[in-house]
Amino acid sequence: MPSAMREFDVQNYLKTPEEQAAYIEAALEGGDPSFIAAALGDIARARGVTTFAAESGLSREAIYRAFRPGGNPTLETLAKATKALGLRLSVVAA
């Protein structure tokens, strides 16, 4: 009897702020801007886009537009999103 397989959904693994922070940290370490934007979108969907919009002060449309694969959020949008996640942007030597 074949086993039932479920489609992988990263949102199922982003339940806590610590999991979300680790996910963003891994995305930032990879350095791919498209993946970083998509990772923030994954977290927004895991939290609930409406909730994330209220927390960040961004519109739902802005979240969907900026935080998708190929998205290109502005620095202001990125700062609002990370602040809502309880994170801050920083720079370290490579």
PDB file of N, CA and C in Angstrom:
ATOM      1  N   MET A   1       0.847  -1.170   0.000  1.00  0.00           N
ATOM      2  CA  MET A   1       0.000   0.000   0.000  1.00  0.00           C
ATOM      3  C   MET A   1       0.897   1.240   0.000  1.00  0.00           C
ATOM      4  N   PRO A   2       0.716   2.127  -0.966  1.00  0.00           N
ATOM      5  CA  PRO A   2       1.548   3.333  -1.029  1.00  0.00           C
ATOM      6  C   PRO A   2       1.223   4.254   0.145  1.00  0.00           C
ATOM      7  N   SER A   3       2.262   4.896   0.641  1.00  0.00           N
ATOM      8  CA  SER A   3       2.051   5.842   1.738  1.00  0.00           C
ATOM      9  C   SER A   3       1.558   7.173   1.190  1.00  0.00           C
ATOM     10  N   ALA A   4       0.726   7.815   1.960  1.00  0.00           N
ATOM     11  CA  ALA A   4       0.199   9.117   1.551  1.00  0.00           C
ATOM     12  C   ALA A   4       1.273  10.172   1.807  1.00  0.00           C
ATOM     13  N   MET A   5       1.523  10.986   0.809  1.00  0.00           N
ATOM     14  CA  MET A   5       2.511  12.054   0.950  1.00  0.00           C
ATOM     15  C   MET A   5       1.786  13.388   0.908  1.00  0.00           C
ATOM     16  N   ARG A   6       2.236  14.259   1.767  1.00  0.00           N
ATOM     17  CA  ARG A   6       1.684  15.609   1.757  1.00  0.00           C
ATOM     18  C   ARG A   6       2.681  16.535   1.101  1.00  0.00           C
ATOM     19  N   GLU A   7       2.160  17.550   0.432  1.00  0.00           N
ATOM     20  CA  GLU A   7       3.018  18.553  -0.177  1.00  0.00           C
ATOM     21  C   GLU A   7       3.695  19.371   0.916  1.00  0.00           C
ATOM     22  N   PHE A   8       4.974  19.633   0.733  1.00  0.00           N
ATOM     23  CA  PHE A   8       5.728  20.424   1.708  1.00  0.00           C
ATOM     24  C   PHE A   8       5.243  21.861   1.690  1.00  0.00           C
ATOM     25  N   ASP A   9       4.989  22.410   2.859  1.00  0.00           N
ATOM     26  CA  ASP A   9       4.613  23.812   3.000  1.00  0.00           C
ATOM     27  C   ASP A   9       5.424  24.393   4.157  1.00  0.00           C
ATOM     28  N   VAL A  10       6.333  25.302   3.829  1.00  0.00           N
ATOM     29  CA  VAL A  10       7.237  25.865   4.839  1.00  0.00           C
ATOM     30  C   VAL A  10       6.476  26.551   5.961  1.00  0.00           C
ATOM     31  N   GLN A  11       5.277  27.018   5.698  1.00  0.00           N
ATOM     32  CA  GLN A  11       4.495  27.699   6.731  1.00  0.00           C
ATOM     33  C   GLN A  11       4.236  26.798   7.939  1.00  0.00           C
ATOM     34  N   ASN A  12       4.222  25.483   7.714  1.00  0.00           N
ATOM     35  CA  ASN A  12       4.007  24.542   8.811  1.00  0.00           C
ATOM     36  C   ASN A  12       5.199  24.494   9.765  1.00  0.00           C
ATOM     37  N   TYR A  13       6.321  25.066   9.368  1.00  0.00           N
ATOM     38  CA  TYR A  13       7.539  25.032  10.164  1.00  0.00           C
ATOM     39  C   TYR A  13       7.955  26.416  10.660  1.00  0.00           C
ATOM     40  N   LEU A  14       7.069  27.376  10.523  1.00  0.00           N
ATOM     41  CA  LEU A  14       7.368  28.754  10.929  1.00  0.00           C
ATOM     42  C   LEU A  14       6.373  29.228  11.974  1.00  0.00           C
ATOM     43  N   LYS A  15       6.155  28.429  12.982  1.00  0.00           N
ATOM     44  CA  LYS A  15       5.136  28.722  13.988  1.00  0.00           C
ATOM     45  C   LYS A  15       5.602  29.696  15.067  1.00  0.00           C
ATOM     46  N   THR A  16       6.870  29.631  15.447  1.00  0.00           N
ATOM     47  CA  THR A  16       7.345  30.462  16.560  1.00  0.00           C
ATOM     48  C   THR A  16       8.231  31.598  16.039  1.00  0.00           C
ATOM     49  N   PRO A  17       8.360  32.663  16.818  1.00  0.00           N
ATOM     50  CA  PRO A  17       9.269  33.741  16.420  1.00  0.00           C
ATOM     51  C   PRO A  17      10.704  33.251  16.230  1.00  0.00           C
ATOM     52  N   GLU A  18      11.119  32.275  17.030  1.00  0.00           N
ATOM     53  CA  GLU A  18      12.480  31.740  16.906  1.00  0.00           C
ATOM     54  C   GLU A  18      12.662  31.010  15.571  1.00  0.00           C
ATOM     55  N   GLU A  19      11.667  30.241  15.173  1.00  0.00           N
ATOM     56  CA  GLU A  19      11.732  29.543  13.878  1.00  0.00           C
ATOM     57  C   GLU A  19      11.747  30.557  12.730  1.00  0.00           C
ATOM     58  N   GLN A  20      10.946  31.592  12.864  1.00  0.00           N
ATOM     59  CA  GLN A  20      10.887  32.622  11.828  1.00  0.00           C
ATOM     60  C   GLN A  20      12.212  33.367  11.735  1.00  0.00           C
ATOM     61  N   ALA A  21      12.809  33.706  12.867  1.00  0.00           N
ATOM     62  CA  ALA A  21      14.088  34.405  12.871  1.00  0.00           C
ATOM     63  C   ALA A  21      15.185  33.541  12.256  1.00  0.00           C
ATOM     64  N   ALA A  22      15.178  32.252  12.574  1.00  0.00           N
ATOM     65  CA  ALA A  22      16.184  31.345  12.010  1.00  0.00           C
ATOM     66  C   ALA A  22      16.025  31.233  10.499  1.00  0.00           C
ATOM     67  N   TYR A  23      14.795  31.229  10.035  1.00  0.00           N
ATOM     68  CA  TYR A  23      14.520  31.140   8.602  1.00  0.00           C
ATOM     69  C   TYR A  23      15.044  32.383   7.875  1.00  0.00           C
ATOM     70  N   ILE A  24      14.778  33.555   8.436  1.00  0.00           N
ATOM     71  CA  ILE A  24      15.269  34.802   7.829  1.00  0.00           C
ATOM     72  C   ILE A  24      16.792  34.839   7.871  1.00  0.00           C
ATOM     73  N   GLU A  25      17.365  34.412   8.981  1.00  0.00           N
ATOM     74  CA  GLU A  25      18.823  34.397   9.093  1.00  0.00           C
ATOM     75  C   GLU A  25      19.442  33.518   8.012  1.00  0.00           C
ATOM     76  N   ALA A  26      18.861  32.354   7.790  1.00  0.00           N
ATOM     77  CA  ALA A  26      19.368  31.458   6.743  1.00  0.00           C
ATOM     78  C   ALA A  26      19.208  32.091   5.364  1.00  0.00           C
ATOM     79  N   ALA A  27      18.085  32.760   5.141  1.00  0.00           N
ATOM     80  CA  ALA A  27      17.863  33.422   3.844  1.00  0.00           C
ATOM     81  C   ALA A  27      18.890  34.530   3.626  1.00  0.00           C
ATOM     82  N   LEU A  28      19.162  35.304   4.666  1.00  0.00           N
ATOM     83  CA  LEU A  28      20.140  36.387   4.551  1.00  0.00           C
ATOM     84  C   LEU A  28      21.542  35.848   4.307  1.00  0.00           C
ATOM     85  N   GLU A  29      21.884  34.741   4.955  1.00  0.00           N
ATOM     86  CA  GLU A  29      23.203  34.146   4.750  1.00  0.00           C
ATOM     87  C   GLU A  29      23.387  33.675   3.320  1.00  0.00           C
ATOM     88  N   GLY A  30      22.309  33.229   2.701  1.00  0.00           N
ATOM     89  CA  GLY A  30      22.381  32.793   1.306  1.00  0.00           C
ATOM     90  C   GLY A  30      22.652  33.952   0.362  1.00  0.00           C
ATOM     91  N   GLY A  31      22.181  35.149   0.718  1.00  0.00           N
ATOM     92  CA  GLY A  31      22.477  36.339  -0.057  1.00  0.00           C
ATOM     93  C   GLY A  31      21.658  36.542  -1.318  1.00  0.00           C
ATOM     94  N   ASP A  32      20.692  35.682  -1.589  1.00  0.00           N
ATOM     95  CA  ASP A  32      19.870  35.822  -2.796  1.00  0.00           C
ATOM     96  C   ASP A  32      18.683  36.741  -2.480  1.00  0.00           C
ATOM     97  N   PRO A  33      18.654  37.956  -3.041  1.00  0.00           N
ATOM     98  CA  PRO A  33      17.577  38.898  -2.726  1.00  0.00           C
ATOM     99  C   PRO A  33      16.179  38.345  -2.990  1.00  0.00           C
ATOM    100  N   SER A  34      16.024  37.566  -4.041  1.00  0.00           N
ATOM    101  CA  SER A  34      14.724  36.996  -4.349  1.00  0.00           C
ATOM    102  C   SER A  34      14.286  36.014  -3.269  1.00  0.00           C
ATOM    103  N   PHE A  35      15.231  35.206  -2.768  1.00  0.00           N
ATOM    104  CA  PHE A  35      14.901  34.248  -1.716  1.00  0.00           C
ATOM    105  C   PHE A  35      14.602  34.957  -0.405  1.00  0.00           C
ATOM    106  N   ILE A  36      15.329  36.032  -0.117  1.00  0.00           N
ATOM    107  CA  ILE A  36      15.076  36.805   1.101  1.00  0.00           C
ATOM    108  C   ILE A  36      13.663  37.380   1.058  1.00  0.00           C
ATOM    109  N   ALA A  37      13.286  37.958  -0.062  1.00  0.00           N
ATOM    110  CA  ALA A  37      11.939  38.509  -0.211  1.00  0.00           C
ATOM    111  C   ALA A  37      10.892  37.411  -0.059  1.00  0.00           C
ATOM    112  N   ALA A  38      11.114  36.273  -0.700  1.00  0.00           N
ATOM    113  CA  ALA A  38      10.165  35.165  -0.614  1.00  0.00           C
ATOM    114  C   ALA A  38      10.078  34.627   0.809  1.00  0.00           C
ATOM    115  N   ALA A  39      11.201  34.586   1.518  1.00  0.00           N
ATOM    116  CA  ALA A  39      11.203  34.101   2.901  1.00  0.00           C
ATOM    117  C   ALA A  39      10.357  35.012   3.788  1.00  0.00           C
ATOM    118  N   LEU A  40      10.468  36.311   3.600  1.00  0.00           N
ATOM    119  CA  LEU A  40       9.633  37.242   4.364  1.00  0.00           C
ATOM    120  C   LEU A  40       8.154  37.034   4.025  1.00  0.00           C
ATOM    121  N   GLY A  41       7.873  36.758   2.764  1.00  0.00           N
ATOM    122  CA  GLY A  41       6.497  36.454   2.367  1.00  0.00           C
ATOM    123  C   GLY A  41       5.993  35.173   3.016  1.00  0.00           C
ATOM    124  N   ASP A  42       6.854  34.161   3.110  1.00  0.00           N
ATOM    125  CA  ASP A  42       6.471  32.917   3.782  1.00  0.00           C
ATOM    126  C   ASP A  42       6.103  33.180   5.236  1.00  0.00           C
ATOM    127  N   ILE A  43       6.895  34.010   5.893  1.00  0.00           N
ATOM    128  CA  ILE A  43       6.614  34.330   7.293  1.00  0.00           C
ATOM    129  C   ILE A  43       5.328  35.133   7.418  1.00  0.00           C
ATOM    130  N   ALA A  44       5.115  36.067   6.506  1.00  0.00           N
ATOM    131  CA  ALA A  44       3.878  36.855   6.527  1.00  0.00           C
ATOM    132  C   ALA A  44       2.671  35.931   6.396  1.00  0.00           C
ATOM    133  N   ARG A  45       2.750  34.953   5.505  1.00  0.00           N
ATOM    134  CA  ARG A  45       1.639  34.020   5.331  1.00  0.00           C
ATOM    135  C   ARG A  45       1.500  33.099   6.539  1.00  0.00           C
ATOM    136  N   ALA A  46       2.617  32.711   7.153  1.00  0.00           N
ATOM    137  CA  ALA A  46       2.552  31.857   8.337  1.00  0.00           C
ATOM    138  C   ALA A  46       1.887  32.597   9.507  1.00  0.00           C
ATOM    139  N   ARG A  47       2.136  33.882   9.617  1.00  0.00           N
ATOM    140  CA  ARG A  47       1.515  34.683  10.683  1.00  0.00           C
ATOM    141  C   ARG A  47       0.089  35.069  10.337  1.00  0.00           C
ATOM    142  N   GLY A  48      -0.211  35.054   9.053  1.00  0.00           N
ATOM    143  CA  GLY A  48      -1.480  35.568   8.555  1.00  0.00           C
ATOM    144  C   GLY A  48      -1.209  36.943   7.972  1.00  0.00           C
ATOM    145  N   VAL A  49      -1.457  37.105   6.693  1.00  0.00           N
ATOM    146  CA  VAL A  49      -1.087  38.350   6.024  1.00  0.00           C
ATOM    147  C   VAL A  49      -1.808  39.549   6.641  1.00  0.00           C
ATOM    148  N   THR A  50      -3.051  39.375   7.022  1.00  0.00           N
ATOM    149  CA  THR A  50      -3.786  40.486   7.633  1.00  0.00           C
ATOM    150  C   THR A  50      -3.129  40.902   8.945  1.00  0.00           C
ATOM    151  N   THR A  51      -2.764  39.930   9.757  1.00  0.00           N
ATOM    152  CA  THR A  51      -2.092  40.210  11.025  1.00  0.00           C
ATOM    153  C   THR A  51      -0.740  40.870  10.779  1.00  0.00           C
ATOM    154  N   PHE A  52       0.022  40.309   9.840  1.00  0.00           N
ATOM    155  CA  PHE A  52       1.338  40.859   9.525  1.00  0.00           C
ATOM    156  C   PHE A  52       1.213  42.286   8.987  1.00  0.00           C
ATOM    157  N   ALA A  53       0.196  42.547   8.185  1.00  0.00           N
ATOM    158  CA  ALA A  53      -0.024  43.898   7.654  1.00  0.00           C
ATOM    159  C   ALA A  53      -0.273  44.876   8.798  1.00  0.00           C
ATOM    160  N   ALA A  54      -1.092  44.478   9.748  1.00  0.00           N
ATOM    161  CA  ALA A  54      -1.376  45.356  10.889  1.00  0.00           C
ATOM    162  C   ALA A  54      -0.120  45.578  11.736  1.00  0.00           C
ATOM    163  N   GLU A  55       0.664  44.527  11.938  1.00  0.00           N
ATOM    164  CA  GLU A  55       1.883  44.638  12.744  1.00  0.00           C
ATOM    165  C   GLU A  55       2.941  45.508  12.075  1.00  0.00           C
ATOM    166  N   SER A  56       3.019  45.435  10.750  1.00  0.00           N
ATOM    167  CA  SER A  56       4.087  46.122  10.025  1.00  0.00           C
ATOM    168  C   SER A  56       3.690  47.501   9.508  1.00  0.00           C
ATOM    169  N   GLY A  57       2.402  47.759   9.406  1.00  0.00           N
ATOM    170  CA  GLY A  57       1.957  49.022   8.825  1.00  0.00           C
ATOM    171  C   GLY A  57       1.987  49.006   7.300  1.00  0.00           C
ATOM    172  N   LEU A  58       2.179  47.828   6.728  1.00  0.00           N
ATOM    173  CA  LEU A  58       2.173  47.678   5.268  1.00  0.00           C
ATOM    174  C   LEU A  58       0.807  47.178   4.826  1.00  0.00           C
ATOM    175  N   SER A  59       0.430  47.499   3.604  1.00  0.00           N
ATOM    176  CA  SER A  59      -0.836  46.980   3.090  1.00  0.00           C
ATOM    177  C   SER A  59      -0.652  45.523   2.665  1.00  0.00           C
ATOM    178  N   ARG A  60      -1.749  44.790   2.632  1.00  0.00           N
ATOM    179  CA  ARG A  60      -1.696  43.401   2.162  1.00  0.00           C
ATOM    180  C   ARG A  60      -1.126  43.346   0.755  1.00  0.00           C
ATOM    181  N   GLU A  61      -1.536  44.294  -0.095  1.00  0.00           N
ATOM    182  CA  GLU A  61      -1.059  44.322  -1.473  1.00  0.00           C
ATOM    183  C   GLU A  61       0.448  44.516  -1.530  1.00  0.00           C
ATOM    184  N   ALA A  62       0.961  45.417  -0.688  1.00  0.00           N
ATOM    185  CA  ALA A  62       2.406  45.665  -0.658  1.00  0.00           C
ATOM    186  C   ALA A  62       3.154  44.415  -0.215  1.00  0.00           C
ATOM    187  N   ILE A  63       2.587  43.697   0.737  1.00  0.00           N
ATOM    188  CA  ILE A  63       3.227  42.467   1.218  1.00  0.00           C
ATOM    189  C   ILE A  63       3.271  41.433   0.107  1.00  0.00           C
ATOM    190  N   TYR A  64       2.149  41.210  -0.552  1.00  0.00           N
ATOM    191  CA  TYR A  64       2.115  40.224  -1.634  1.00  0.00           C
ATOM    192  C   TYR A  64       3.034  40.615  -2.791  1.00  0.00           C
ATOM    193  N   ARG A  65       3.111  41.905  -3.094  1.00  0.00           N
ATOM    194  CA  ARG A  65       3.926  42.380  -4.217  1.00  0.00           C
ATOM    195  C   ARG A  65       5.420  42.311  -3.899  1.00  0.00           C
ATOM    196  N   ALA A  66       5.791  42.743  -2.701  1.00  0.00           N
ATOM    197  CA  ALA A  66       7.213  42.843  -2.362  1.00  0.00           C
ATOM    198  C   ALA A  66       7.823  41.523  -1.923  1.00  0.00           C
ATOM    199  N   PHE A  67       7.049  40.716  -1.207  1.00  0.00           N
ATOM    200  CA  PHE A  67       7.605  39.512  -0.588  1.00  0.00           C
ATOM    201  C   PHE A  67       7.155  38.252  -1.308  1.00  0.00           C
ATOM    202  N   ARG A  68       7.566  38.154  -2.539  1.00  0.00           N
ATOM    203  CA  ARG A  68       7.310  36.988  -3.384  1.00  0.00           C
ATOM    204  C   ARG A  68       8.599  36.673  -4.119  1.00  0.00           C
ATOM    205  N   PRO A  69       8.731  35.477  -4.665  1.00  0.00           N
ATOM    206  CA  PRO A  69       9.929  35.210  -5.473  1.00  0.00           C
ATOM    207  C   PRO A  69      10.037  36.260  -6.577  1.00  0.00           C
ATOM    208  N   GLY A  70      11.164  36.879  -6.679  1.00  0.00           N
ATOM    209  CA  GLY A  70      11.356  37.951  -7.656  1.00  0.00           C
ATOM    210  C   GLY A  70      10.936  39.315  -7.146  1.00  0.00           C
ATOM    211  N   GLY A  71      10.393  39.362  -5.924  1.00  0.00           N
ATOM    212  CA  GLY A  71       9.981  40.638  -5.345  1.00  0.00           C
ATOM    213  C   GLY A  71      11.207  41.510  -5.070  1.00  0.00           C
ATOM    214  N   ASN A  72      10.970  42.793  -5.005  1.00  0.00           N
ATOM    215  CA  ASN A  72      12.075  43.723  -4.792  1.00  0.00           C
ATOM    216  C   ASN A  72      11.626  44.794  -3.794  1.00  0.00           C
ATOM    217  N   PRO A  73      11.541  44.427  -2.501  1.00  0.00           N
ATOM    218  CA  PRO A  73      11.059  45.399  -1.521  1.00  0.00           C
ATOM    219  C   PRO A  73      12.039  46.553  -1.341  1.00  0.00           C
ATOM    220  N   THR A  74      11.489  47.712  -1.048  1.00  0.00           N
ATOM    221  CA  THR A  74      12.341  48.858  -0.748  1.00  0.00           C
ATOM    222  C   THR A  74      12.951  48.661   0.636  1.00  0.00           C
ATOM    223  N   LEU A  75      13.955  49.440   0.943  1.00  0.00           N
ATOM    224  CA  LEU A  75      14.572  49.367   2.260  1.00  0.00           C
ATOM    225  C   LEU A  75      13.554  49.721   3.339  1.00  0.00           C
ATOM    226  N   GLU A  76      12.696  50.679   3.068  1.00  0.00           N
ATOM    227  CA  GLU A  76      11.656  51.058   4.032  1.00  0.00           C
ATOM    228  C   GLU A  76      10.708  49.891   4.298  1.00  0.00           C
ATOM    229  N   THR A  77      10.283  49.194   3.250  1.00  0.00           N
ATOM    230  CA  THR A  77       9.395  48.048   3.394  1.00  0.00           C
ATOM    231  C   THR A  77      10.088  46.931   4.165  1.00  0.00           C
ATOM    232  N   LEU A  78      11.334  46.690   3.850  1.00  0.00           N
ATOM    233  CA  LEU A  78      12.126  45.677   4.544  1.00  0.00           C
ATOM    234  C   LEU A  78      12.276  46.021   6.029  1.00  0.00           C
ATOM    235  N   ALA A  79      12.538  47.286   6.321  1.00  0.00           N
ATOM    236  CA  ALA A  79      12.689  47.717   7.714  1.00  0.00           C
ATOM    237  C   ALA A  79      11.388  47.546   8.487  1.00  0.00           C
ATOM    238  N   LYS A  80      10.266  47.888   7.888  1.00  0.00           N
ATOM    239  CA  LYS A  80       8.974  47.726   8.554  1.00  0.00           C
ATOM    240  C   LYS A  80       8.674  46.254   8.816  1.00  0.00           C
ATOM    241  N   ALA A  81       8.975  45.419   7.837  1.00  0.00           N
ATOM    242  CA  ALA A  81       8.704  43.988   7.981  1.00  0.00           C
ATOM    243  C   ALA A  81       9.570  43.365   9.065  1.00  0.00           C
ATOM    244  N   THR A  82      10.847  43.687   9.069  1.00  0.00           N
ATOM    245  CA  THR A  82      11.728  43.083  10.078  1.00  0.00           C
ATOM    246  C   THR A  82      11.392  43.604  11.478  1.00  0.00           C
ATOM    247  N   LYS A  83      11.002  44.863  11.591  1.00  0.00           N
ATOM    248  CA  LYS A  83      10.606  45.404  12.888  1.00  0.00           C
ATOM    249  C   LYS A  83       9.372  44.667  13.406  1.00  0.00           C
ATOM    250  N   ALA A  84       8.418  44.398  12.531  1.00  0.00           N
ATOM    251  CA  ALA A  84       7.215  43.663  12.919  1.00  0.00           C
ATOM    252  C   ALA A  84       7.551  42.245  13.374  1.00  0.00           C
ATOM    253  N   LEU A  85       8.645  41.694  12.875  1.00  0.00           N
ATOM    254  CA  LEU A  85       9.084  40.359  13.270  1.00  0.00           C
ATOM    255  C   LEU A  85       9.887  40.385  14.568  1.00  0.00           C
ATOM    256  N   GLY A  86      10.131  41.593  15.091  1.00  0.00           N
ATOM    257  CA  GLY A  86      10.935  41.713  16.303  1.00  0.00           C
ATOM    258  C   GLY A  86      12.416  41.582  16.019  1.00  0.00           C
ATOM    259  N   LEU A  87      12.805  41.877  14.780  1.00  0.00           N
ATOM    260  CA  LEU A  87      14.188  41.795  14.352  1.00  0.00           C
ATOM    261  C   LEU A  87      14.681  43.170  13.964  1.00  0.00           C
ATOM    262  N   ARG A  88      15.986  43.304  13.800  1.00  0.00           N
ATOM    263  CA  ARG A  88      16.539  44.555  13.273  1.00  0.00           C
ATOM    264  C   ARG A  88      17.557  44.198  12.205  1.00  0.00           C
ATOM    265  N   LEU A  89      17.669  45.059  11.257  1.00  0.00           N
ATOM    266  CA  LEU A  89      18.652  44.865  10.194  1.00  0.00           C
ATOM    267  C   LEU A  89      20.015  45.294  10.699  1.00  0.00           C
ATOM    268  N   SER A  90      21.033  44.550  10.341  1.00  0.00           N
ATOM    269  CA  SER A  90      22.386  44.926  10.708  1.00  0.00           C
ATOM    270  C   SER A  90      23.337  44.444   9.614  1.00  0.00           C
ATOM    271  N   VAL A  91      24.534  44.980   9.655  1.00  0.00           N
ATOM    272  CA  VAL A  91      25.541  44.632   8.664  1.00  0.00           C
ATOM    273  C   VAL A  91      26.764  44.100   9.408  1.00  0.00           C
ATOM    274  N   VAL A  92      27.323  43.022   8.905  1.00  0.00           N
ATOM    275  CA  VAL A  92      28.551  42.474   9.473  1.00  0.00           C
ATOM    276  C   VAL A  92      29.543  42.249   8.331  1.00  0.00           C
ATOM    277  N   ALA A  93      30.798  42.253   8.648  1.00  0.00           N
ATOM    278  CA  ALA A  93      31.807  42.010   7.635  1.00  0.00           C
ATOM    279  C   ALA A  93      31.662  40.592   7.103  1.00  0.00           C
ATOM    280  N   ALA A  94      31.858  40.462   5.799  1.00  0.00           N
ATOM    281  CA  ALA A  94      31.719  39.142   5.168  1.00  0.00           C
ATOM    282  C   ALA A  94      32.933  38.284   5.437  1.00  0.00           C
TER     283      ALA A  94
END
